[in-house]
Amino acid sequence: AMTTPATYQLHVTGMSCQHCVKAVTQAVQDQDGEALVTVDLAQGQVTVQTVLGEEAVREIIREEGYGVA
């Protein structure tokens, strides 16, 4: 059964550069190849559209070494 993707807006700390953006995006897409990840570095905001649960997304980002509010 297909799960309907949900969109989460997370406040992420510790991101400072394009490398961080790529790391976060890649980490999420490793778990969900269809995920759409949008990062606003200035606001420290990550928007993820994914079939993964919100807690799973938070955990993935934390494992990359960033803080999730």
PDB file of N, CA and C in Angstrom:
ATOM      1  N   ALA A   1       0.843  -1.196   0.000  1.00  0.00           N
ATOM      2  CA  ALA A   1       0.000   0.000   0.000  1.00  0.00           C
ATOM      3  C   ALA A   1       0.881   1.250   0.000  1.00  0.00           C
ATOM      4  N   MET A   2       0.476   2.221  -0.768  1.00  0.00           N
ATOM      5  CA  MET A   2       1.233   3.472  -0.816  1.00  0.00           C
ATOM      6  C   MET A   2       0.862   4.336   0.376  1.00  0.00           C
ATOM      7  N   THR A   3       1.868   4.878   0.996  1.00  0.00           N
ATOM      8  CA  THR A   3       1.640   5.804   2.095  1.00  0.00           C
ATOM      9  C   THR A   3       1.644   7.206   1.507  1.00  0.00           C
ATOM     10  N   THR A   4       0.716   8.039   1.928  1.00  0.00           N
ATOM     11  CA  THR A   4       0.666   9.415   1.441  1.00  0.00           C
ATOM     12  C   THR A   4       1.771  10.212   2.118  1.00  0.00           C
ATOM     13  N   PRO A   5       2.607  10.881   1.325  1.00  0.00           N
ATOM     14  CA  PRO A   5       3.668  11.690   1.944  1.00  0.00           C
ATOM     15  C   PRO A   5       3.080  12.801   2.802  1.00  0.00           C
ATOM     16  N   ALA A   6       3.762  13.095   3.883  1.00  0.00           N
ATOM     17  CA  ALA A   6       3.382  14.204   4.745  1.00  0.00           C
ATOM     18  C   ALA A   6       4.506  15.230   4.680  1.00  0.00           C
ATOM     19  N   THR A   7       4.189  16.472   5.019  1.00  0.00           N
ATOM     20  CA  THR A   7       5.201  17.525   4.993  1.00  0.00           C
ATOM     21  C   THR A   7       5.461  17.992   6.416  1.00  0.00           C
ATOM     22  N   TYR A   8       6.727  18.013   6.795  1.00  0.00           N
ATOM     23  CA  TYR A   8       7.126  18.443   8.132  1.00  0.00           C
ATOM     24  C   TYR A   8       8.028  19.658   8.015  1.00  0.00           C
ATOM     25  N   GLN A   9       7.828  20.630   8.881  1.00  0.00           N
ATOM     26  CA  GLN A   9       8.726  21.780   8.950  1.00  0.00           C
ATOM     27  C   GLN A   9       9.466  21.668  10.267  1.00  0.00           C
ATOM     28  N   LEU A  10      10.774  21.506  10.177  1.00  0.00           N
ATOM     29  CA  LEU A  10      11.587  21.325  11.370  1.00  0.00           C
ATOM     30  C   LEU A  10      12.569  22.470  11.520  1.00  0.00           C
ATOM     31  N   HIS A  11      12.801  22.865  12.773  1.00  0.00           N
ATOM     32  CA  HIS A  11      13.798  23.894  13.026  1.00  0.00           C
ATOM     33  C   HIS A  11      15.094  23.169  13.377  1.00  0.00           C
ATOM     34  N   VAL A  12      16.096  23.329  12.533  1.00  0.00           N
ATOM     35  CA  VAL A  12      17.344  22.593  12.692  1.00  0.00           C
ATOM     36  C   VAL A  12      18.489  23.551  13.004  1.00  0.00           C
ATOM     37  N   THR A  13      19.261  23.213  14.035  1.00  0.00           N
ATOM     38  CA  THR A  13      20.401  24.047  14.401  1.00  0.00           C
ATOM     39  C   THR A  13      21.697  23.368  13.993  1.00  0.00           C
ATOM     40  N   GLY A  14      22.712  24.176  13.731  1.00  0.00           N
ATOM     41  CA  GLY A  14      24.023  23.645  13.405  1.00  0.00           C
ATOM     42  C   GLY A  14      24.319  23.610  11.914  1.00  0.00           C
ATOM     43  N   MET A  15      23.336  23.966  11.094  1.00  0.00           N
ATOM     44  CA  MET A  15      23.582  24.015   9.648  1.00  0.00           C
ATOM     45  C   MET A  15      24.150  25.376   9.285  1.00  0.00           C
ATOM     46  N   SER A  16      25.260  25.384   8.557  1.00  0.00           N
ATOM     47  CA  SER A  16      25.888  26.673   8.266  1.00  0.00           C
ATOM     48  C   SER A  16      26.268  26.842   6.804  1.00  0.00           C
ATOM     49  N   CYS A  17      26.190  25.777   6.013  1.00  0.00           N
ATOM     50  CA  CYS A  17      26.735  25.873   4.663  1.00  0.00           C
ATOM     51  C   CYS A  17      26.034  24.904   3.723  1.00  0.00           C
ATOM     52  N   GLN A  18      26.376  24.990   2.457  1.00  0.00           N
ATOM     53  CA  GLN A  18      25.774  24.113   1.463  1.00  0.00           C
ATOM     54  C   GLN A  18      26.112  22.646   1.731  1.00  0.00           C
ATOM     55  N   HIS A  19      27.271  22.412   2.318  1.00  0.00           N
ATOM     56  CA  HIS A  19      27.626  21.029   2.654  1.00  0.00           C
ATOM     57  C   HIS A  19      26.605  20.451   3.626  1.00  0.00           C
ATOM     58  N   CYS A  20      26.197  21.273   4.601  1.00  0.00           N
ATOM     59  CA  CYS A  20      25.196  20.841   5.580  1.00  0.00           C
ATOM     60  C   CYS A  20      23.876  20.518   4.879  1.00  0.00           C
ATOM     61  N   VAL A  21      23.507  21.382   3.938  1.00  0.00           N
ATOM     62  CA  VAL A  21      22.271  21.186   3.183  1.00  0.00           C
ATOM     63  C   VAL A  21      22.321  19.842   2.461  1.00  0.00           C
ATOM     64  N   LYS A  22      23.440  19.567   1.791  1.00  0.00           N
ATOM     65  CA  LYS A  22      23.587  18.307   1.064  1.00  0.00           C
ATOM     66  C   LYS A  22      23.558  17.114   2.007  1.00  0.00           C
ATOM     67  N   ALA A  23      24.218  17.254   3.167  1.00  0.00           N
ATOM     68  CA  ALA A  23      24.281  16.146   4.117  1.00  0.00           C
ATOM     69  C   ALA A  23      22.893  15.788   4.624  1.00  0.00           C
ATOM     70  N   VAL A  24      22.124  16.805   4.994  1.00  0.00           N
ATOM     71  CA  VAL A  24      20.774  16.579   5.507  1.00  0.00           C
ATOM     72  C   VAL A  24      19.889  15.986   4.403  1.00  0.00           C
ATOM     73  N   THR A  25      19.966  16.579   3.213  1.00  0.00           N
ATOM     74  CA  THR A  25      19.149  16.101   2.087  1.00  0.00           C
ATOM     75  C   THR A  25      19.476  14.652   1.753  1.00  0.00           C
ATOM     76  N   GLN A  26      20.771  14.355   1.661  1.00  0.00           N
ATOM     77  CA  GLN A  26      21.207  13.007   1.309  1.00  0.00           C
ATOM     78  C   GLN A  26      20.780  11.985   2.360  1.00  0.00           C
ATOM     79  N   ALA A  27      20.903  12.364   3.630  1.00  0.00           N
ATOM     80  CA  ALA A  27      20.559  11.444   4.709  1.00  0.00           C
ATOM     81  C   ALA A  27      19.084  11.056   4.641  1.00  0.00           C
ATOM     82  N   VAL A  28      18.227  12.051   4.387  1.00  0.00           N
ATOM     83  CA  VAL A  28      16.794  11.772   4.302  1.00  0.00           C
ATOM     84  C   VAL A  28      16.507  10.930   3.058  1.00  0.00           C
ATOM     85  N   GLN A  29      17.131  11.285   1.937  1.00  0.00           N
ATOM     86  CA  GLN A  29      16.854  10.570   0.696  1.00  0.00           C
ATOM     87  C   GLN A  29      17.437   9.166   0.696  1.00  0.00           C
ATOM     88  N   ASP A  30      18.408   8.903   1.563  1.00  0.00           N
ATOM     89  CA  ASP A  30      18.919   7.535   1.713  1.00  0.00           C
ATOM     90  C   ASP A  30      17.813   6.641   2.274  1.00  0.00           C
ATOM     91  N   GLN A  31      16.933   7.230   3.093  1.00  0.00           N
ATOM     92  CA  GLN A  31      15.844   6.475   3.725  1.00  0.00           C
ATOM     93  C   GLN A  31      14.569   6.496   2.883  1.00  0.00           C
ATOM     94  N   ASP A  32      14.387   7.569   2.133  1.00  0.00           N
ATOM     95  CA  ASP A  32      13.210   7.712   1.257  1.00  0.00           C
ATOM     96  C   ASP A  32      13.666   8.417  -0.017  1.00  0.00           C
ATOM     97  N   GLY A  33      13.914   7.629  -1.055  1.00  0.00           N
ATOM     98  CA  GLY A  33      14.433   8.167  -2.311  1.00  0.00           C
ATOM     99  C   GLY A  33      13.542   9.190  -2.974  1.00  0.00           C
ATOM    100  N   GLU A  34      12.256   9.197  -2.598  1.00  0.00           N
ATOM    101  CA  GLU A  34      11.297  10.123  -3.207  1.00  0.00           C
ATOM    102  C   GLU A  34      11.142  11.407  -2.401  1.00  0.00           C
ATOM    103  N   ALA A  35      11.799  11.467  -1.249  1.00  0.00           N
ATOM    104  CA  ALA A  35      11.608  12.608  -0.352  1.00  0.00           C
ATOM    105  C   ALA A  35      12.032  13.921  -1.010  1.00  0.00           C
ATOM    106  N   LEU A  36      11.280  14.972  -0.724  1.00  0.00           N
ATOM    107  CA  LEU A  36      11.638  16.319  -1.170  1.00  0.00           C
ATOM    108  C   LEU A  36      12.119  17.066   0.064  1.00  0.00           C
ATOM    109  N   VAL A  37      13.335  17.591  -0.011  1.00  0.00           N
ATOM    110  CA  VAL A  37      13.922  18.283   1.134  1.00  0.00           C
ATOM    111  C   VAL A  37      14.257  19.710   0.723  1.00  0.00           C
ATOM    112  N   THR A  38      13.733  20.677   1.472  1.00  0.00           N
ATOM    113  CA  THR A  38      14.015  22.082   1.210  1.00  0.00           C
ATOM    114  C   THR A  38      14.643  22.663   2.462  1.00  0.00           C
ATOM    115  N   VAL A  39      15.801  23.292   2.301  1.00  0.00           N
ATOM    116  CA  VAL A  39      16.500  23.848   3.453  1.00  0.00           C
ATOM    117  C   VAL A  39      16.617  25.363   3.307  1.00  0.00           C
ATOM    118  N   ASP A  40      16.202  26.065   4.361  1.00  0.00           N
ATOM    119  CA  ASP A  40      16.373  27.513   4.427  1.00  0.00           C
ATOM    120  C   ASP A  40      17.455  27.754   5.473  1.00  0.00           C
ATOM    121  N   LEU A  41      18.691  27.951   5.007  1.00  0.00           N
ATOM    122  CA  LEU A  41      19.809  28.118   5.936  1.00  0.00           C
ATOM    123  C   LEU A  41      19.639  29.330   6.828  1.00  0.00           C
ATOM    124  N   ALA A  42      19.176  30.434   6.256  1.00  0.00           N
ATOM    125  CA  ALA A  42      19.042  31.674   7.017  1.00  0.00           C
ATOM    126  C   ALA A  42      18.087  31.496   8.196  1.00  0.00           C
ATOM    127  N   GLN A  43      16.999  30.759   7.962  1.00  0.00           N
ATOM    128  CA  GLN A  43      15.983  30.547   9.001  1.00  0.00           C
ATOM    129  C   GLN A  43      16.254  29.299   9.831  1.00  0.00           C
ATOM    130  N   GLY A  44      17.192  28.466   9.367  1.00  0.00           N
ATOM    131  CA  GLY A  44      17.456  27.220  10.070  1.00  0.00           C
ATOM    132  C   GLY A  44      16.261  26.295   9.987  1.00  0.00           C
ATOM    133  N   GLN A  45      15.577  26.354   8.840  1.00  0.00           N
ATOM    134  CA  GLN A  45      14.366  25.565   8.687  1.00  0.00           C
ATOM    135  C   GLN A  45      14.526  24.517   7.594  1.00  0.00           C
ATOM    136  N   VAL A  46      14.097  23.307   7.902  1.00  0.00           N
ATOM    137  CA  VAL A  46      14.137  22.224   6.923  1.00  0.00           C
ATOM    138  C   VAL A  46      12.700  21.753   6.707  1.00  0.00           C
ATOM    139  N   THR A  47      12.283  21.756   5.462  1.00  0.00           N
ATOM    140  CA  THR A  47      10.959  21.261   5.115  1.00  0.00           C
ATOM    141  C   THR A  47      11.160  19.942   4.376  1.00  0.00           C
ATOM    142  N   VAL A  48      10.518  18.894   4.882  1.00  0.00           N
ATOM    143  CA  VAL A  48      10.670  17.566   4.298  1.00  0.00           C
ATOM    144  C   VAL A  48       9.305  17.017   3.923  1.00  0.00           C
ATOM    145  N   GLN A  49       9.173  16.627   2.659  1.00  0.00           N
ATOM    146  CA  GLN A  49       7.948  15.951   2.222  1.00  0.00           C
ATOM    147  C   GLN A  49       8.351  14.495   2.005  1.00  0.00           C
ATOM    148  N   THR A  50       7.777  13.612   2.809  1.00  0.00           N
ATOM    149  CA  THR A  50       8.247  12.235   2.817  1.00  0.00           C
ATOM    150  C   THR A  50       7.190  11.279   3.346  1.00  0.00           C
ATOM    151  N   VAL A  51       7.359   9.994   3.034  1.00  0.00           N
ATOM    152  CA  VAL A  51       6.476   8.969   3.590  1.00  0.00           C
ATOM    153  C   VAL A  51       6.970   8.542   4.967  1.00  0.00           C
ATOM    154  N   LEU A  52       8.172   8.987   5.350  1.00  0.00           N
ATOM    155  CA  LEU A  52       8.710   8.658   6.663  1.00  0.00           C
ATOM    156  C   LEU A  52       7.936   9.418   7.741  1.00  0.00           C
ATOM    157  N   GLY A  53       7.932   8.894   8.944  1.00  0.00           N
ATOM    158  CA  GLY A  53       7.278   9.580  10.051  1.00  0.00           C
ATOM    159  C   GLY A  53       8.127  10.744  10.531  1.00  0.00           C
ATOM    160  N   GLU A  54       7.510  11.687  11.208  1.00  0.00           N
ATOM    161  CA  GLU A  54       8.241  12.876  11.668  1.00  0.00           C
ATOM    162  C   GLU A  54       9.384  12.513  12.611  1.00  0.00           C
ATOM    163  N   GLU A  55       9.138  11.586  13.536  1.00  0.00           N
ATOM    164  CA  GLU A  55      10.204  11.200  14.466  1.00  0.00           C
ATOM    165  C   GLU A  55      11.384  10.583  13.726  1.00  0.00           C
ATOM    166  N   ALA A  56      11.076   9.797  12.689  1.00  0.00           N
ATOM    167  CA  ALA A  56      12.142   9.171  11.892  1.00  0.00           C
ATOM    168  C   ALA A  56      12.995  10.242  11.223  1.00  0.00           C
ATOM    169  N   VAL A  57      12.332  11.264  10.685  1.00  0.00           N
ATOM    170  CA  VAL A  57      13.048  12.356  10.021  1.00  0.00           C
ATOM    171  C   VAL A  57      13.934  13.096  11.022  1.00  0.00           C
ATOM    172  N   ARG A  58      13.377  13.374  12.208  1.00  0.00           N
ATOM    173  CA  ARG A  58      14.144  14.065  13.250  1.00  0.00           C
ATOM    174  C   ARG A  58      15.392  13.253  13.611  1.00  0.00           C
ATOM    175  N   GLU A  59      15.213  11.944  13.741  1.00  0.00           N
ATOM    176  CA  GLU A  59      16.306  11.068  14.134  1.00  0.00           C
ATOM    177  C   GLU A  59      17.400  11.042  13.066  1.00  0.00           C
ATOM    178  N   ILE A  60      16.993  10.995  11.804  1.00  0.00           N
ATOM    179  CA  ILE A  60      17.948  10.997  10.691  1.00  0.00           C
ATOM    180  C   ILE A  60      18.801  12.262  10.747  1.00  0.00           C
ATOM    181  N   ILE A  61      18.156  13.404  10.964  1.00  0.00           N
ATOM    182  CA  ILE A  61      18.874  14.675  10.990  1.00  0.00           C
ATOM    183  C   ILE A  61      19.792  14.741  12.211  1.00  0.00           C
ATOM    184  N   ARG A  62      19.302  14.240  13.348  1.00  0.00           N
ATOM    185  CA  ARG A  62      20.142  14.220  14.560  1.00  0.00           C
ATOM    186  C   ARG A  62      21.375  13.363  14.355  1.00  0.00           C
ATOM    187  N   GLU A  63      21.203  12.243  13.647  1.00  0.00           N
ATOM    188  CA  GLU A  63      22.329  11.351  13.418  1.00  0.00           C
ATOM    189  C   GLU A  63      23.400  12.006  12.557  1.00  0.00           C
ATOM    190  N   GLU A  64      23.002  13.004  11.777  1.00  0.00           N
ATOM    191  CA  GLU A  64      23.975  13.742  10.962  1.00  0.00           C
ATOM    192  C   GLU A  64      24.738  14.777  11.821  1.00  0.00           C
ATOM    193  N   GLY A  65      24.298  14.925  13.068  1.00  0.00           N
ATOM    194  CA  GLY A  65      25.015  15.820  13.980  1.00  0.00           C
ATOM    195  C   GLY A  65      24.384  17.187  14.168  1.00  0.00           C
ATOM    196  N   TYR A  66      23.149  17.333  13.712  1.00  0.00           N
ATOM    197  CA  TYR A  66      22.466  18.627  13.852  1.00  0.00           C
ATOM    198  C   TYR A  66      21.406  18.550  14.938  1.00  0.00           C
ATOM    199  N   GLY A  67      21.035  19.694  15.461  1.00  0.00           N
ATOM    200  CA  GLY A  67      20.003  19.742  16.487  1.00  0.00           C
ATOM    201  C   GLY A  67      18.659  19.946  15.837  1.00  0.00           C
ATOM    202  N   VAL A  68      17.640  19.294  16.397  1.00  0.00           N
ATOM    203  CA  VAL A  68      16.279  19.483  15.886  1.00  0.00           C
ATOM    204  C   VAL A  68      15.424  19.965  17.044  1.00  0.00           C
ATOM    205  N   ALA A  69      14.833  21.143  16.883  1.00  0.00           N
ATOM    206  CA  ALA A  69      14.017  21.731  17.952  1.00  0.00           C
ATOM    207  C   ALA A  69      12.742  20.918  18.153  1.00  0.00           C
TER     208      ALA A  69
END
